[in-house]
Amino acid sequence: ETDPDLFSSVVHQIIGQQISTAAQETIWSRLRGKVPAINADAILSIPDGELQSIGISFRKASYIKAFAEKVQSGELDLDTLSTKTDQEVIRELSSLKGVGIWTAEMLLIFCLQRPDVLSFIDLGIHRGMRMLYRHRSISRELFDKYARRCSPCGSVASLYLWAISGGAIPELTDPASTKKDGAKR
């Protein structure tokens, strides 16, 4: 699902880290019920304790508030990110507390709708590549080889690899998996 609003997407991503999708959506719904719009001013108007009362951890609340302060002060101009390269966007976003490289890459795909993002650090993409190309592991060199084949449509390849990883093609199994008896597939 895409969301063209980068501010709310970053907040949504921070909320969702290391919790289930259902928990993320519950907290997100509670947050949306607190403010008319998810923007820097609205976030900064909510007391920390109130953020925690809707299920956002102290640490995540501090990350979200720090992000909102950078946007509100103009230190981080979200509008200019659309004019920057993927690597520049990743560098800027991952410099924020609570936003890592993987999160920045997902924001490139699902918010900024960049066409050529294939994340080396995404476990689902690795699993999809192992299943599709029948490798027990994917080295950086092998990953880069397959990424070049997908370019300039790496984001579309990401969607297909996630689907494969999730079992969309039942005939494809993961060569890195082991059966219960320990024998390799």
Protein backbone atom coordinates (compact mmCIF):
# COMPACT_ATOMS: atom_id res chain seq x y z
CA GLU A 1 0.00 0.00 0.00
CA THR A 2 1.40 3.38 -0.97
CA ASP A 3 1.10 6.64 0.95
CA PRO A 4 2.38 9.77 -0.83
CA ASP A 5 2.62 11.73 2.44
CA LEU A 6 6.23 11.27 3.53
CA PHE A 7 5.76 12.71 7.02
CA SER A 8 2.92 10.36 7.95
CA SER A 9 4.72 7.45 6.26
CA VAL A 10 7.83 7.97 8.40
CA VAL A 11 5.70 8.14 11.56
CA HIS A 12 3.78 5.03 10.48
CA GLN A 13 7.03 3.15 9.83
CA ILE A 14 8.52 4.10 13.20
CA ILE A 15 5.34 3.00 14.99
CA GLY A 16 5.41 -0.35 13.19
CA GLN A 17 8.96 -1.36 14.00
CA GLN A 18 9.21 -4.70 15.80
CA ILE A 19 5.47 -5.10 16.35
CA SER A 20 2.80 -6.98 14.44
CA THR A 21 0.94 -5.33 11.59
CA ALA A 22 -2.29 -5.60 13.61
CA ALA A 23 -0.70 -3.79 16.58
CA GLN A 24 0.73 -1.15 14.23
CA GLU A 25 -2.68 -0.49 12.69
CA THR A 26 -4.36 -0.30 16.12
CA ILE A 27 -1.84 2.29 17.33
CA TRP A 28 -2.03 4.16 14.02
CA SER A 29 -5.82 4.33 14.27
CA ARG A 30 -5.57 5.67 17.83
CA LEU A 31 -3.05 8.31 16.72
CA ARG A 32 -5.26 9.39 13.82
CA GLY A 33 -8.10 9.75 16.32
CA LYS A 34 -6.04 12.20 18.38
CA VAL A 35 -5.25 14.71 15.62
CA PRO A 36 -6.98 15.96 12.44
CA ALA A 37 -3.86 15.29 10.34
CA ILE A 38 -0.53 13.56 10.86
CA ASN A 39 1.94 16.43 10.47
CA ALA A 40 4.76 18.00 12.49
CA ASP A 41 2.56 20.55 14.27
CA ALA A 42 -0.01 17.94 15.26
CA ILE A 43 2.60 15.48 16.54
CA LEU A 44 4.38 18.16 18.55
CA SER A 45 1.07 19.20 20.14
CA ILE A 46 0.57 15.75 21.69
CA PRO A 47 2.18 15.30 25.12
CA ASP A 48 4.65 12.40 25.35
CA GLY A 49 2.49 10.65 27.94
CA GLU A 50 -0.47 10.76 25.60
CA LEU A 51 1.57 9.15 22.82
CA GLN A 52 2.56 6.42 25.24
CA SER A 53 -1.05 5.96 26.36
CA ILE A 54 -2.05 4.97 22.82
CA GLY A 55 0.68 2.31 22.67
CA ILE A 56 3.74 4.13 21.33
CA SER A 57 6.81 3.23 23.38
CA PHE A 58 8.83 5.97 25.08
CA ARG A 59 11.71 5.43 22.64
CA LYS A 60 9.50 5.52 19.53
CA ALA A 61 7.70 8.61 20.84
CA SER A 62 11.07 10.35 21.24
CA TYR A 63 12.07 9.37 17.68
CA ILE A 64 8.77 10.63 16.27
CA LYS A 65 8.99 13.91 18.21
CA ALA A 66 12.63 14.48 17.14
CA PHE A 67 11.62 13.85 13.51
CA ALA A 68 8.70 16.30 13.82
CA GLU A 69 10.99 18.94 15.35
CA LYS A 70 13.47 18.61 12.45
CA VAL A 71 10.66 18.99 9.92
CA GLN A 72 9.02 21.90 11.76
CA SER A 73 12.33 23.77 12.16
CA GLY A 74 13.18 23.31 8.48
CA GLU A 75 16.31 21.31 9.31
CA LEU A 76 14.76 18.49 7.27
CA ASP A 77 12.86 19.59 4.16
CA LEU A 78 10.75 16.64 3.06
CA ASP A 79 9.71 18.37 -0.18
CA THR A 80 13.29 18.46 -1.47
CA LEU A 81 13.74 14.71 -0.97
CA SER A 82 11.73 14.03 -4.12
CA THR A 83 14.44 15.77 -6.15
CA LYS A 84 17.31 13.76 -4.64
CA THR A 85 18.81 10.46 -5.73
CA ASP A 86 17.80 7.25 -3.98
CA GLN A 87 21.13 7.13 -2.14
CA GLU A 88 20.79 10.75 -0.98
CA VAL A 89 17.29 10.05 0.32
CA ILE A 90 18.48 6.92 2.12
CA ARG A 91 21.36 8.85 3.67
CA GLU A 92 19.09 11.68 4.88
CA LEU A 93 16.29 9.50 6.20
CA SER A 94 18.56 6.95 7.86
CA SER A 95 20.32 9.76 9.72
CA LEU A 96 17.09 10.16 11.72
CA LYS A 97 16.85 8.25 14.98
CA GLY A 98 14.47 5.36 14.53
CA VAL A 99 14.90 5.18 10.74
CA GLY A 100 17.38 2.69 9.34
CA ILE A 101 18.45 1.88 5.82
CA TRP A 102 15.72 -0.74 5.34
CA THR A 103 13.01 1.69 6.47
CA ALA A 104 14.39 4.37 4.14
CA GLU A 105 14.34 1.87 1.26
CA MET A 106 10.72 0.93 2.00
CA LEU A 107 9.81 4.63 2.05
CA LEU A 108 11.45 4.98 -1.36
CA ILE A 109 9.25 2.20 -2.73
CA PHE A 110 5.92 2.79 -1.00
CA CYS A 111 5.90 6.54 -0.44
CA LEU A 112 8.18 8.20 -2.97
CA GLN A 113 7.34 5.46 -5.51
CA ARG A 114 10.88 5.10 -6.78
CA PRO A 115 11.07 2.50 -9.54
CA ASP A 116 14.45 0.85 -8.91
CA VAL A 117 14.75 -0.19 -5.26
CA LEU A 118 15.84 -3.74 -4.41
CA SER A 119 16.95 -4.04 -0.79
CA PHE A 120 19.98 -6.19 -0.05
CA ILE A 121 19.08 -6.23 3.64
CA ASP A 122 15.48 -7.41 3.18
CA LEU A 123 15.11 -11.03 4.31
CA GLY A 124 12.04 -11.63 2.14
CA ILE A 125 13.87 -10.48 -0.97
CA HIS A 126 16.80 -12.78 -0.14
CA ARG A 127 14.43 -15.70 0.39
CA GLY A 128 12.61 -14.93 -2.87
CA MET A 129 15.92 -14.85 -4.75
CA ARG A 130 17.03 -18.15 -3.18
CA MET A 131 13.73 -19.74 -4.19
CA LEU A 132 13.65 -18.31 -7.71
CA TYR A 133 17.29 -18.89 -8.60
CA ARG A 134 17.80 -22.06 -6.47
CA HIS A 135 20.70 -20.87 -4.29
CA ARG A 136 21.28 -21.81 -0.64
CA SER A 137 22.49 -18.26 0.03
CA ILE A 138 22.73 -14.96 -1.80
CA SER A 139 26.10 -13.23 -1.59
CA ARG A 140 26.44 -9.53 -2.25
CA GLU A 141 28.03 -10.32 -5.61
CA LEU A 142 25.17 -12.62 -6.62
CA PHE A 143 22.58 -10.13 -5.35
CA ASP A 144 24.17 -7.35 -7.42
CA LYS A 145 24.12 -9.58 -10.51
CA TYR A 146 20.38 -10.21 -10.14
CA ALA A 147 19.72 -6.57 -9.23
CA ARG A 148 21.36 -5.46 -12.49
CA ARG A 149 19.02 -7.81 -14.39
CA CYS A 150 16.02 -6.16 -12.73
CA SER A 151 17.17 -2.58 -13.18
CA PRO A 152 15.53 -0.11 -13.80
CA CYS A 153 12.52 -1.97 -12.35
CA GLY A 154 13.94 -3.14 -9.02
CA SER A 155 10.86 -2.06 -7.08
CA VAL A 156 8.63 -4.27 -9.24
CA ALA A 157 11.12 -7.11 -8.76
CA SER A 158 10.88 -6.52 -5.00
CA LEU A 159 7.12 -7.03 -5.13
CA TYR A 160 7.50 -10.27 -7.09
CA LEU A 161 10.27 -11.58 -4.82
CA TRP A 162 8.17 -10.87 -1.71
CA ALA A 163 5.27 -12.75 -3.33
CA ILE A 164 7.53 -15.71 -4.15
CA SER A 165 8.94 -15.65 -0.62
CA GLY A 166 5.39 -15.72 0.73
CA GLY A 167 4.50 -18.85 -1.23
CA ALA A 168 2.80 -17.40 -4.33
CA ILE A 169 4.41 -20.14 -6.42
CA PRO A 170 4.03 -23.36 -4.38
CA GLU A 171 6.46 -25.29 -6.58
CA LEU A 172 9.30 -23.00 -5.50
CA THR A 173 10.88 -23.97 -2.19
CA ASP A 174 13.70 -22.36 -0.26
CA PRO A 175 16.98 -24.26 -0.76
CA ALA A 176 18.22 -22.83 2.54
CA SER A 177 15.32 -24.41 4.49
CA THR A 178 15.71 -27.65 6.34
CA LYS A 179 13.10 -30.32 6.95
CA LYS A 180 12.18 -31.29 10.50
CA ASP A 181 14.55 -34.26 10.36
CA GLY A 182 17.41 -31.89 9.47
CA ALA A 183 17.80 -33.10 5.87
CA LYS A 184 18.16 -30.41 3.24
CA ARG A 185 15.36 -30.00 0.71
